[in-house]
């Protein structure tokens, strides 16, 4: 299994499985479903609000960073 920046991606018969820092796991089908839901939501928001995709993905990146810090106890929830 090749390692890449804290991620280990295993590609068995039914698609990739992602292991993050050896403590979390998401199956290939779950990863695909999550990715599609997020991308569809971003596309809907951008079309509805006439906001650029780059801006929207940047906001999502900031929200994800803040949420991860919150989950690690580094930041208090608002």
N, C-alpha and C. Protein backbone atom coordinates (compact mmCIF):
# COMPACT_ATOMS: atom_id res chain seq x y z
N UNK A 1 0.83 -1.18 0.00
CA UNK A 1 0.00 0.00 0.00
C UNK A 1 0.88 1.25 0.00
N UNK A 2 0.73 2.13 -1.00
CA UNK A 2 1.56 3.32 -1.03
C UNK A 2 1.07 4.36 -0.03
N UNK A 3 1.99 5.02 0.63
CA UNK A 3 1.63 6.08 1.58
C UNK A 3 1.80 7.43 0.90
N UNK A 4 0.91 8.39 1.23
CA UNK A 4 0.99 9.71 0.63
C UNK A 4 0.46 10.73 1.62
N UNK A 5 1.33 11.54 2.21
CA UNK A 5 0.95 12.65 3.08
C UNK A 5 -0.04 12.25 4.17
N UNK A 6 0.23 11.16 4.85
CA UNK A 6 -0.66 10.74 5.94
C UNK A 6 -1.83 9.89 5.49
N UNK A 7 -1.96 9.67 4.21
CA UNK A 7 -3.04 8.85 3.68
C UNK A 7 -2.45 7.56 3.14
N UNK A 8 -3.13 6.47 3.36
CA UNK A 8 -2.74 5.21 2.74
C UNK A 8 -3.92 4.78 1.88
N UNK A 9 -3.68 4.59 0.62
CA UNK A 9 -4.75 4.21 -0.29
C UNK A 9 -4.50 2.78 -0.74
N UNK A 10 -5.45 1.91 -0.45
CA UNK A 10 -5.37 0.50 -0.82
C UNK A 10 -6.39 0.29 -1.93
N UNK A 11 -5.97 -0.29 -3.03
CA UNK A 11 -6.87 -0.50 -4.15
C UNK A 11 -7.10 -2.00 -4.34
N UNK A 12 -8.05 -2.58 -3.58
CA UNK A 12 -8.37 -3.99 -3.78
C UNK A 12 -9.35 -4.14 -4.94
N UNK A 13 -10.06 -5.24 -4.98
CA UNK A 13 -10.95 -5.53 -6.09
C UNK A 13 -12.06 -4.53 -6.36
N UNK A 14 -12.75 -4.01 -5.33
CA UNK A 14 -13.94 -3.19 -5.58
C UNK A 14 -13.69 -1.69 -5.48
N UNK A 15 -12.45 -1.25 -5.59
CA UNK A 15 -12.16 0.18 -5.56
C UNK A 15 -11.28 0.55 -4.39
N UNK A 16 -10.83 1.80 -4.37
CA UNK A 16 -9.88 2.21 -3.34
C UNK A 16 -10.53 2.29 -1.97
N UNK A 17 -9.74 2.02 -0.97
CA UNK A 17 -10.13 2.26 0.41
C UNK A 17 -9.08 3.20 0.97
N UNK A 18 -9.52 4.19 1.70
CA UNK A 18 -8.60 5.21 2.21
C UNK A 18 -8.47 5.07 3.71
N UNK A 19 -7.24 5.03 4.17
CA UNK A 19 -6.94 5.00 5.59
C UNK A 19 -6.23 6.30 5.90
N UNK A 20 -6.71 7.05 6.87
CA UNK A 20 -6.13 8.33 7.22
C UNK A 20 -5.40 8.18 8.54
N UNK A 21 -4.08 8.38 8.50
CA UNK A 21 -3.22 8.29 9.68
C UNK A 21 -3.42 6.99 10.46
N UNK A 22 -3.77 5.93 9.77
CA UNK A 22 -3.94 4.60 10.36
C UNK A 22 -4.98 4.54 11.47
N UNK A 23 -5.81 5.56 11.64
CA UNK A 23 -6.81 5.53 12.70
C UNK A 23 -8.23 5.60 12.17
N UNK A 24 -8.40 6.03 10.96
CA UNK A 24 -9.74 6.17 10.38
C UNK A 24 -9.78 5.41 9.05
N UNK A 25 -10.98 5.00 8.65
CA UNK A 25 -11.13 4.21 7.43
C UNK A 25 -12.44 4.59 6.76
N UNK A 26 -12.39 4.71 5.45
CA UNK A 26 -13.61 4.91 4.66
C UNK A 26 -13.48 4.02 3.42
N UNK A 27 -14.53 3.31 3.11
CA UNK A 27 -14.48 2.41 1.96
C UNK A 27 -14.57 3.20 0.67
N UNK A 28 -14.21 2.56 -0.41
CA UNK A 28 -14.30 3.19 -1.73
C UNK A 28 -15.70 3.69 -2.05
N UNK A 29 -16.73 2.84 -1.89
CA UNK A 29 -18.09 3.30 -2.18
C UNK A 29 -18.54 4.44 -1.26
N UNK A 30 -18.15 4.42 0.01
CA UNK A 30 -18.50 5.51 0.92
C UNK A 30 -17.81 6.81 0.49
N UNK A 31 -16.54 6.72 0.10
CA UNK A 31 -15.80 7.89 -0.36
C UNK A 31 -16.44 8.47 -1.61
N UNK A 32 -16.83 7.60 -2.53
CA UNK A 32 -17.50 8.06 -3.76
C UNK A 32 -18.80 8.77 -3.43
N UNK A 33 -19.61 8.19 -2.56
CA UNK A 33 -20.90 8.79 -2.18
C UNK A 33 -20.69 10.14 -1.52
N UNK A 34 -19.76 10.22 -0.58
CA UNK A 34 -19.50 11.48 0.12
C UNK A 34 -19.02 12.54 -0.86
N UNK A 35 -18.10 12.18 -1.74
CA UNK A 35 -17.58 13.12 -2.73
C UNK A 35 -18.69 13.64 -3.63
N UNK A 36 -19.56 12.75 -4.10
CA UNK A 36 -20.66 13.16 -4.98
C UNK A 36 -21.63 14.09 -4.27
N UNK A 37 -21.95 13.80 -3.01
CA UNK A 37 -22.88 14.65 -2.24
C UNK A 37 -22.28 16.04 -2.07
N UNK A 38 -21.01 16.11 -1.70
CA UNK A 38 -20.36 17.41 -1.50
C UNK A 38 -20.29 18.19 -2.81
N UNK A 39 -19.85 17.53 -3.88
CA UNK A 39 -19.73 18.22 -5.17
C UNK A 39 -21.09 18.68 -5.69
N UNK A 40 -22.12 17.87 -5.54
CA UNK A 40 -23.46 18.28 -5.97
C UNK A 40 -23.96 19.47 -5.16
N UNK A 41 -23.69 19.46 -3.87
CA UNK A 41 -24.11 20.57 -3.00
C UNK A 41 -23.39 21.86 -3.38
N UNK A 42 -22.09 21.77 -3.63
CA UNK A 42 -21.31 22.95 -4.03
C UNK A 42 -21.83 23.49 -5.37
N UNK A 43 -22.08 22.59 -6.31
CA UNK A 43 -22.58 23.02 -7.62
C UNK A 43 -23.94 23.71 -7.49
N UNK A 44 -24.84 23.14 -6.69
CA UNK A 44 -26.16 23.73 -6.47
C UNK A 44 -26.02 25.12 -5.86
N UNK A 45 -25.19 25.25 -4.82
CA UNK A 45 -25.01 26.53 -4.15
C UNK A 45 -24.44 27.58 -5.12
N UNK A 46 -23.41 27.20 -5.87
CA UNK A 46 -22.79 28.14 -6.81
C UNK A 46 -23.78 28.61 -7.87
N UNK A 47 -24.56 27.70 -8.41
CA UNK A 47 -25.56 28.06 -9.42
C UNK A 47 -26.64 28.96 -8.83
N UNK A 48 -27.14 28.60 -7.65
CA UNK A 48 -28.23 29.34 -7.03
C UNK A 48 -27.79 30.73 -6.60
N UNK A 49 -26.63 30.83 -6.00
CA UNK A 49 -26.15 32.10 -5.42
C UNK A 49 -25.22 32.87 -6.35
N UNK A 50 -24.92 32.31 -7.52
CA UNK A 50 -24.00 32.94 -8.48
C UNK A 50 -22.66 33.29 -7.82
N UNK A 51 -22.09 32.30 -7.14
CA UNK A 51 -20.81 32.43 -6.45
C UNK A 51 -19.81 31.53 -7.18
N UNK A 52 -18.56 31.96 -7.25
CA UNK A 52 -17.56 31.15 -7.96
C UNK A 52 -17.25 29.86 -7.21
N UNK A 53 -16.90 28.85 -7.97
CA UNK A 53 -16.51 27.58 -7.38
C UNK A 53 -15.25 27.71 -6.55
N UNK A 54 -14.30 28.52 -7.01
CA UNK A 54 -13.06 28.69 -6.25
C UNK A 54 -13.34 29.31 -4.88
N UNK A 55 -14.18 30.32 -4.84
CA UNK A 55 -14.54 30.94 -3.55
C UNK A 55 -15.23 29.92 -2.65
N UNK A 56 -16.18 29.19 -3.20
CA UNK A 56 -16.94 28.23 -2.41
C UNK A 56 -16.05 27.13 -1.86
N UNK A 57 -15.16 26.58 -2.69
CA UNK A 57 -14.26 25.53 -2.21
C UNK A 57 -13.28 26.07 -1.17
N UNK A 58 -12.89 27.33 -1.29
CA UNK A 58 -12.02 27.95 -0.29
C UNK A 58 -12.74 28.06 1.05
N UNK A 59 -14.01 28.45 1.01
CA UNK A 59 -14.81 28.51 2.24
C UNK A 59 -14.94 27.12 2.85
N UNK A 60 -15.20 26.11 2.03
CA UNK A 60 -15.32 24.74 2.53
C UNK A 60 -14.00 24.30 3.17
N UNK A 61 -12.88 24.65 2.55
CA UNK A 61 -11.57 24.31 3.11
C UNK A 61 -11.40 24.96 4.49
N UNK A 62 -11.76 26.22 4.63
CA UNK A 62 -11.65 26.92 5.91
C UNK A 62 -12.57 26.30 6.96
N UNK A 63 -13.79 25.98 6.56
CA UNK A 63 -14.72 25.33 7.49
C UNK A 63 -14.20 23.97 7.94
N UNK A 64 -13.63 23.21 7.01
CA UNK A 64 -13.09 21.89 7.36
C UNK A 64 -11.92 22.03 8.31
N UNK A 65 -11.05 22.99 8.07
CA UNK A 65 -9.90 23.22 8.96
C UNK A 65 -10.37 23.58 10.36
N UNK A 66 -11.36 24.47 10.45
CA UNK A 66 -11.90 24.88 11.74
C UNK A 66 -12.58 23.71 12.44
N UNK A 67 -13.35 22.91 11.70
CA UNK A 67 -14.04 21.77 12.30
C UNK A 67 -13.05 20.73 12.82
N UNK A 68 -11.99 20.48 12.08
CA UNK A 68 -10.97 19.53 12.54
C UNK A 68 -10.28 20.04 13.81
N UNK A 69 -9.99 21.34 13.86
CA UNK A 69 -9.39 21.92 15.07
C UNK A 69 -10.35 21.79 16.25
N UNK A 70 -11.63 21.99 15.99
CA UNK A 70 -12.64 21.84 17.04
C UNK A 70 -12.69 20.39 17.53
N UNK A 71 -12.68 19.44 16.63
CA UNK A 71 -12.74 18.03 17.00
C UNK A 71 -11.50 17.59 17.77
N UNK A 72 -10.35 18.24 17.51
CA UNK A 72 -9.11 17.92 18.22
C UNK A 72 -9.01 18.66 19.55
N UNK A 73 -10.00 19.52 19.84
CA UNK A 73 -9.98 20.29 21.08
C UNK A 73 -9.11 21.52 21.03
N UNK A 74 -8.69 21.91 19.85
CA UNK A 74 -7.82 23.07 19.67
C UNK A 74 -8.62 24.38 19.53
N UNK A 75 -9.93 24.25 19.37
CA UNK A 75 -10.79 25.40 19.11
C UNK A 75 -12.12 25.14 19.77
N UNK A 76 -12.69 26.14 20.39
CA UNK A 76 -14.00 25.99 21.02
C UNK A 76 -15.09 26.18 19.97
N UNK A 77 -16.17 25.39 20.04
CA UNK A 77 -17.27 25.58 19.10
C UNK A 77 -17.91 26.94 19.32
N UNK A 78 -18.42 27.49 18.25
CA UNK A 78 -19.05 28.82 18.34
C UNK A 78 -20.49 28.70 18.74
